Each structure stands twice: as C-alpha cells, then as structure tokens.
Amino acid sequence: MTEKKHSPQGSVATKDWVEIMEPPMYKVLLHNDDYTSMEFVVAILIGVFHKSTPEAARIMMNVHEQGIGVAGIYTREICETKIEKVHSLARQKEFPLRCSMEKA
C-alpha cells in the first residue's frame, strides 16, 4: 500500500508501506538425566520460567517420562538467556541438567 503526500511545489512524494514481521519463536527444551533431582527441575521451572507449581510438576514429569519437555516458547535471545541461566544454576548445584532450543 502506498501513502501519497503533496508537497507545496505540486510534486508527489511516496511512502512505501512497511510490513512488520513478528520474530521467530523457539522452544526451550529440558532434557532428562539420571542425576538432576525432580525437585530441582520444578524449582527451575518456577524460578526461571515462571510456571505455576502444578504446571512445573507436569512439565517435570514429561521430562522424566519422555526424556524431554518444553519449558517455554520465546524469542531467540530470551531462549539463549534462559538456557544460560538454567545451566549456571545447575552447575552451582552440581547437576548435569541440559537445556536446548529448537524452532517452534
């Protein structure tokens, strides 16, 4: 779509219509391991991903039973930040919890 403006000299200037696109979204995935406690995973989901306790418990069970669970869907930069936060907290507690991201 083009918007036209009239200038005082009578010539026409045009302004191109710019379409704003939403940024691509990514899933943060939590991976199961044999050492990270279920309680820690729930705490991560509540503290980092702002999930309610019942929702955190449900996601944790998905991770435990299916080997992987979706912690949330965010833009790339937010995913990267959350993944780094999870890995940092896991290292502090000496857990090998692993996160990754994939396009939603």
N, C-alpha and C. Protein backbone atom coordinates (compact mmCIF):
# COMPACT_ATOMS: atom_id res chain seq x y z
N MET A 1 0.85 -1.15 0.00
CA MET A 1 0.00 0.00 0.00
C MET A 1 0.90 1.22 0.00
N THR A 2 0.55 2.26 -0.71
CA THR A 2 1.36 3.46 -0.81
C THR A 2 0.57 4.65 -0.29
N GLU A 3 1.26 5.47 0.50
CA GLU A 3 0.65 6.69 1.00
C GLU A 3 1.26 7.85 0.23
N LYS A 4 0.43 8.75 -0.28
CA LYS A 4 0.93 9.88 -1.06
C LYS A 4 0.78 11.15 -0.26
N LYS A 5 1.82 12.00 -0.36
CA LYS A 5 1.78 13.31 0.28
C LYS A 5 2.02 14.35 -0.79
N HIS A 6 1.32 15.46 -0.69
CA HIS A 6 1.51 16.54 -1.65
C HIS A 6 2.47 17.56 -1.07
N SER A 7 3.45 17.96 -1.85
CA SER A 7 4.39 18.99 -1.42
C SER A 7 3.92 20.33 -1.95
N PRO A 8 4.41 21.42 -1.39
CA PRO A 8 3.98 22.75 -1.84
C PRO A 8 4.26 23.01 -3.32
N GLN A 9 5.26 22.39 -3.91
CA GLN A 9 5.58 22.62 -5.32
C GLN A 9 4.68 21.82 -6.26
N GLY A 10 3.85 20.95 -5.74
CA GLY A 10 2.95 20.19 -6.58
C GLY A 10 3.48 18.83 -6.97
N SER A 11 4.70 18.47 -6.63
CA SER A 11 5.19 17.13 -6.94
C SER A 11 4.69 16.15 -5.87
N VAL A 12 4.74 14.88 -6.20
CA VAL A 12 4.20 13.87 -5.30
C VAL A 12 5.35 13.04 -4.73
N ALA A 13 5.38 12.91 -3.41
CA ALA A 13 6.34 12.03 -2.75
C ALA A 13 5.57 10.79 -2.30
N THR A 14 6.19 9.65 -2.38
CA THR A 14 5.51 8.43 -1.95
C THR A 14 6.22 7.84 -0.73
N LYS A 15 5.47 7.14 0.03
CA LYS A 15 5.99 6.46 1.21
C LYS A 15 5.56 5.01 1.11
N ASP A 16 6.53 4.10 1.07
CA ASP A 16 6.21 2.68 0.95
C ASP A 16 5.64 2.15 2.26
N TRP A 17 4.73 1.23 2.14
CA TRP A 17 4.15 0.55 3.29
C TRP A 17 5.15 -0.48 3.78
N VAL A 18 5.44 -0.48 5.08
CA VAL A 18 6.40 -1.41 5.65
C VAL A 18 5.64 -2.41 6.52
N GLU A 19 5.81 -3.68 6.21
CA GLU A 19 5.15 -4.73 6.98
C GLU A 19 6.07 -5.15 8.12
N ILE A 20 5.54 -5.14 9.33
CA ILE A 20 6.31 -5.55 10.49
C ILE A 20 6.06 -7.02 10.73
N MET A 21 7.15 -7.78 10.78
CA MET A 21 7.03 -9.22 10.99
C MET A 21 7.40 -9.56 12.42
N GLU A 22 6.69 -10.51 12.99
CA GLU A 22 6.99 -10.99 14.33
C GLU A 22 8.30 -11.79 14.28
N PRO A 23 9.10 -11.73 15.33
CA PRO A 23 10.34 -12.52 15.32
C PRO A 23 10.02 -14.01 15.43
N PRO A 24 10.90 -14.86 14.91
CA PRO A 24 10.66 -16.30 15.02
C PRO A 24 10.72 -16.73 16.49
N MET A 25 9.95 -17.73 16.82
CA MET A 25 9.88 -18.22 18.20
C MET A 25 10.61 -19.56 18.30
N TYR A 26 11.13 -19.81 19.51
CA TYR A 26 11.90 -21.02 19.78
C TYR A 26 11.41 -21.65 21.07
N LYS A 27 11.51 -22.98 21.13
CA LYS A 27 11.15 -23.73 22.34
C LYS A 27 12.40 -23.96 23.17
N VAL A 28 12.29 -23.76 24.48
CA VAL A 28 13.36 -24.16 25.39
C VAL A 28 13.01 -25.58 25.85
N LEU A 29 13.94 -26.51 25.63
CA LEU A 29 13.72 -27.91 25.95
C LEU A 29 14.60 -28.31 27.13
N LEU A 30 14.01 -29.00 28.09
CA LEU A 30 14.76 -29.59 29.20
C LEU A 30 14.95 -31.07 28.89
N HIS A 31 16.17 -31.57 29.12
CA HIS A 31 16.49 -32.96 28.81
C HIS A 31 16.65 -33.76 30.10
N ASN A 32 16.16 -34.97 30.09
CA ASN A 32 16.25 -35.85 31.25
C ASN A 32 17.68 -36.35 31.43
N ASP A 33 18.05 -36.56 32.69
CA ASP A 33 19.31 -37.23 33.01
C ASP A 33 19.08 -38.04 34.28
N ASP A 34 20.05 -38.83 34.67
CA ASP A 34 19.89 -39.73 35.82
C ASP A 34 20.29 -39.10 37.15
N TYR A 35 20.71 -37.83 37.14
CA TYR A 35 21.26 -37.24 38.36
C TYR A 35 20.52 -36.02 38.87
N THR A 36 19.96 -35.21 38.00
CA THR A 36 19.28 -33.99 38.43
C THR A 36 17.99 -34.37 39.15
N SER A 37 17.78 -33.80 40.32
CA SER A 37 16.59 -34.15 41.10
C SER A 37 15.33 -33.52 40.48
N MET A 38 14.23 -34.21 40.69
CA MET A 38 12.94 -33.70 40.21
C MET A 38 12.62 -32.37 40.89
N GLU A 39 12.97 -32.25 42.15
CA GLU A 39 12.71 -31.01 42.90
C GLU A 39 13.46 -29.83 42.27
N PHE A 40 14.71 -30.07 41.84
CA PHE A 40 15.48 -29.00 41.21
C PHE A 40 14.85 -28.58 39.89
N VAL A 41 14.39 -29.54 39.11
CA VAL A 41 13.75 -29.22 37.83
C VAL A 41 12.49 -28.39 38.07
N VAL A 42 11.70 -28.77 39.05
CA VAL A 42 10.49 -28.00 39.38
C VAL A 42 10.89 -26.58 39.81
N ALA A 43 11.93 -26.46 40.64
CA ALA A 43 12.39 -25.15 41.10
C ALA A 43 12.85 -24.29 39.93
N ILE A 44 13.52 -24.89 38.95
CA ILE A 44 13.97 -24.17 37.74
C ILE A 44 12.76 -23.68 36.96
N LEU A 45 11.77 -24.56 36.79
CA LEU A 45 10.58 -24.19 36.02
C LEU A 45 9.81 -23.06 36.69
N ILE A 46 9.77 -23.05 38.01
CA ILE A 46 9.08 -21.98 38.74
C ILE A 46 9.92 -20.70 38.72
N GLY A 47 11.22 -20.82 39.03
CA GLY A 47 12.06 -19.64 39.18
C GLY A 47 12.49 -18.98 37.88
N VAL A 48 12.87 -19.78 36.89
CA VAL A 48 13.40 -19.24 35.64
C VAL A 48 12.29 -19.04 34.60
N PHE A 49 11.35 -19.99 34.56
CA PHE A 49 10.32 -19.96 33.52
C PHE A 49 8.97 -19.46 34.02
N HIS A 50 8.88 -19.12 35.31
CA HIS A 50 7.68 -18.53 35.91
C HIS A 50 6.43 -19.39 35.73
N LYS A 51 6.61 -20.70 35.89
CA LYS A 51 5.48 -21.63 35.81
C LYS A 51 4.84 -21.77 37.19
N SER A 52 3.57 -22.10 37.22
CA SER A 52 2.90 -22.40 38.49
C SER A 52 3.42 -23.75 38.97
N THR A 53 3.23 -24.04 40.24
CA THR A 53 3.70 -25.32 40.78
C THR A 53 3.07 -26.51 40.06
N PRO A 54 1.75 -26.53 39.83
CA PRO A 54 1.18 -27.69 39.10
C PRO A 54 1.72 -27.82 37.67
N GLU A 55 1.88 -26.68 36.99
CA GLU A 55 2.39 -26.73 35.62
C GLU A 55 3.86 -27.18 35.61
N ALA A 56 4.64 -26.71 36.57
CA ALA A 56 6.05 -27.12 36.68
C ALA A 56 6.14 -28.62 36.94
N ALA A 57 5.29 -29.13 37.79
CA ALA A 57 5.29 -30.57 38.09
C ALA A 57 4.92 -31.39 36.85
N ARG A 58 3.96 -30.90 36.08
CA ARG A 58 3.55 -31.59 34.84
C ARG A 58 4.69 -31.62 33.83
N ILE A 59 5.36 -30.48 33.64
CA ILE A 59 6.48 -30.43 32.69
C ILE A 59 7.61 -31.33 33.16
N MET A 60 7.90 -31.29 34.47
CA MET A 60 8.95 -32.14 35.02
C MET A 60 8.65 -33.62 34.76
N MET A 61 7.39 -34.02 34.91
CA MET A 61 7.02 -35.41 34.64
C MET A 61 7.20 -35.75 33.16
N ASN A 62 6.92 -34.81 32.26
CA ASN A 62 7.17 -35.03 30.83
C ASN A 62 8.65 -35.28 30.59
N VAL A 63 9.48 -34.46 31.23
CA VAL A 63 10.93 -34.63 31.09
C VAL A 63 11.34 -36.01 31.61
N HIS A 64 10.83 -36.37 32.77
CA HIS A 64 11.19 -37.65 33.40
C HIS A 64 10.71 -38.86 32.60
N GLU A 65 9.48 -38.81 32.12
CA GLU A 65 8.89 -39.97 31.45
C GLU A 65 9.22 -40.04 29.96
N GLN A 66 9.33 -38.89 29.29
CA GLN A 66 9.54 -38.89 27.84
C GLN A 66 10.95 -38.48 27.44
N GLY A 67 11.76 -38.09 28.42
CA GLY A 67 13.14 -37.73 28.12
C GLY A 67 13.35 -36.28 27.76
N ILE A 68 12.26 -35.55 27.53
CA ILE A 68 12.36 -34.15 27.13
C ILE A 68 11.05 -33.46 27.45
N GLY A 69 11.12 -32.16 27.71
CA GLY A 69 9.92 -31.38 27.98
C GLY A 69 10.11 -29.94 27.57
N VAL A 70 9.04 -29.30 27.17
CA VAL A 70 9.08 -27.90 26.74
C VAL A 70 8.88 -27.01 27.96
N ALA A 71 9.90 -26.20 28.27
CA ALA A 71 9.82 -25.29 29.41
C ALA A 71 9.12 -23.99 29.03
N GLY A 72 9.20 -23.59 27.76
CA GLY A 72 8.56 -22.36 27.32
C GLY A 72 8.90 -22.06 25.88
N ILE A 73 8.21 -21.08 25.31
CA ILE A 73 8.43 -20.66 23.93
C ILE A 73 8.69 -19.16 23.96
N TYR A 74 9.83 -18.76 23.40
CA TYR A 74 10.29 -17.38 23.48
C TYR A 74 11.02 -17.00 22.19
N THR A 75 11.40 -15.72 22.10
CA THR A 75 12.27 -15.30 21.01
C THR A 75 13.67 -15.89 21.25
N ARG A 76 14.49 -15.88 20.22
CA ARG A 76 15.82 -16.49 20.29
C ARG A 76 16.65 -15.94 21.45
N GLU A 77 16.69 -14.63 21.60
CA GLU A 77 17.52 -14.01 22.63
C GLU A 77 17.06 -14.39 24.03
N ILE A 78 15.76 -14.42 24.24
CA ILE A 78 15.24 -14.80 25.55
C ILE A 78 15.55 -16.27 25.82
N CYS A 79 15.40 -17.13 24.81
CA CYS A 79 15.75 -18.55 24.96
C CYS A 79 17.21 -18.70 25.38
N GLU A 80 18.09 -18.02 24.68
CA GLU A 80 19.52 -18.13 24.99
C GLU A 80 19.81 -17.70 26.42
N THR A 81 19.17 -16.62 26.87
CA THR A 81 19.36 -16.13 28.24
C THR A 81 18.86 -17.13 29.26
N LYS A 82 17.68 -17.69 29.03
CA LYS A 82 17.10 -18.65 29.97
C LYS A 82 17.94 -19.93 30.02
N ILE A 83 18.41 -20.39 28.88
CA ILE A 83 19.25 -21.59 28.84
C ILE A 83 20.54 -21.36 29.63
N GLU A 84 21.15 -20.22 29.43
CA GLU A 84 22.38 -19.92 30.18
C GLU A 84 22.10 -19.87 31.68
N LYS A 85 20.99 -19.29 32.07
CA LYS A 85 20.62 -19.21 33.49
C LYS A 85 20.43 -20.62 34.07
N VAL A 86 19.73 -21.48 33.35
CA VAL A 86 19.50 -22.86 33.82
C VAL A 86 20.83 -23.59 33.97
N HIS A 87 21.70 -23.49 32.97
CA HIS A 87 22.99 -24.17 33.04
C HIS A 87 23.83 -23.64 34.20
N SER A 88 23.79 -22.35 34.44
CA SER A 88 24.53 -21.75 35.55
C SER A 88 24.02 -22.26 36.90
N LEU A 89 22.70 -22.25 37.08
CA LEU A 89 22.12 -22.74 38.33
C LEU A 89 22.41 -24.23 38.53
N ALA A 90 22.34 -25.00 37.45
CA ALA A 90 22.62 -26.44 37.55
C ALA A 90 24.07 -26.69 37.94
N ARG A 91 25.00 -25.94 37.35
CA ARG A 91 26.41 -26.09 37.72
C ARG A 91 26.64 -25.76 39.19
N GLN A 92 25.97 -24.71 39.68
CA GLN A 92 26.12 -24.33 41.09
C GLN A 92 25.71 -25.47 42.02
N LYS A 93 24.69 -26.22 41.62
CA LYS A 93 24.19 -27.35 42.43
C LYS A 93 24.82 -28.68 42.02
N GLU A 94 25.76 -28.61 41.06
CA GLU A 94 26.46 -29.79 40.55
C GLU A 94 25.53 -30.82 39.91
N PHE A 95 24.52 -30.30 39.19
CA PHE A 95 23.63 -31.15 38.41
C PHE A 95 23.99 -31.03 36.94
N PRO A 96 23.86 -32.10 36.17
CA PRO A 96 24.16 -32.04 34.73
C PRO A 96 22.96 -31.65 33.86
N LEU A 97 21.96 -30.99 34.44
CA LEU A 97 20.75 -30.64 33.68
C LEU A 97 21.13 -29.91 32.41
N ARG A 98 20.53 -30.35 31.31
CA ARG A 98 20.83 -29.78 30.00
C ARG A 98 19.57 -29.20 29.39
N CYS A 99 19.75 -28.04 28.79
CA CYS A 99 18.69 -27.34 28.05
C CYS A 99 19.15 -27.16 26.63
N SER A 100 18.19 -27.08 25.73
CA SER A 100 18.50 -26.73 24.34
C SER A 100 17.31 -25.95 23.81
N MET A 101 17.44 -25.49 22.57
CA MET A 101 16.32 -24.81 21.95
C MET A 101 16.16 -25.29 20.52
N GLU A 102 14.92 -25.20 20.07
CA GLU A 102 14.62 -25.54 18.67
C GLU A 102 13.51 -24.62 18.21
N LYS A 103 13.47 -24.39 16.92
CA LYS A 103 12.46 -23.52 16.35
C LYS A 103 11.07 -24.06 16.63
N ALA A 104 10.18 -23.17 17.06
CA ALA A 104 8.82 -23.59 17.41
C ALA A 104 7.98 -23.78 16.17
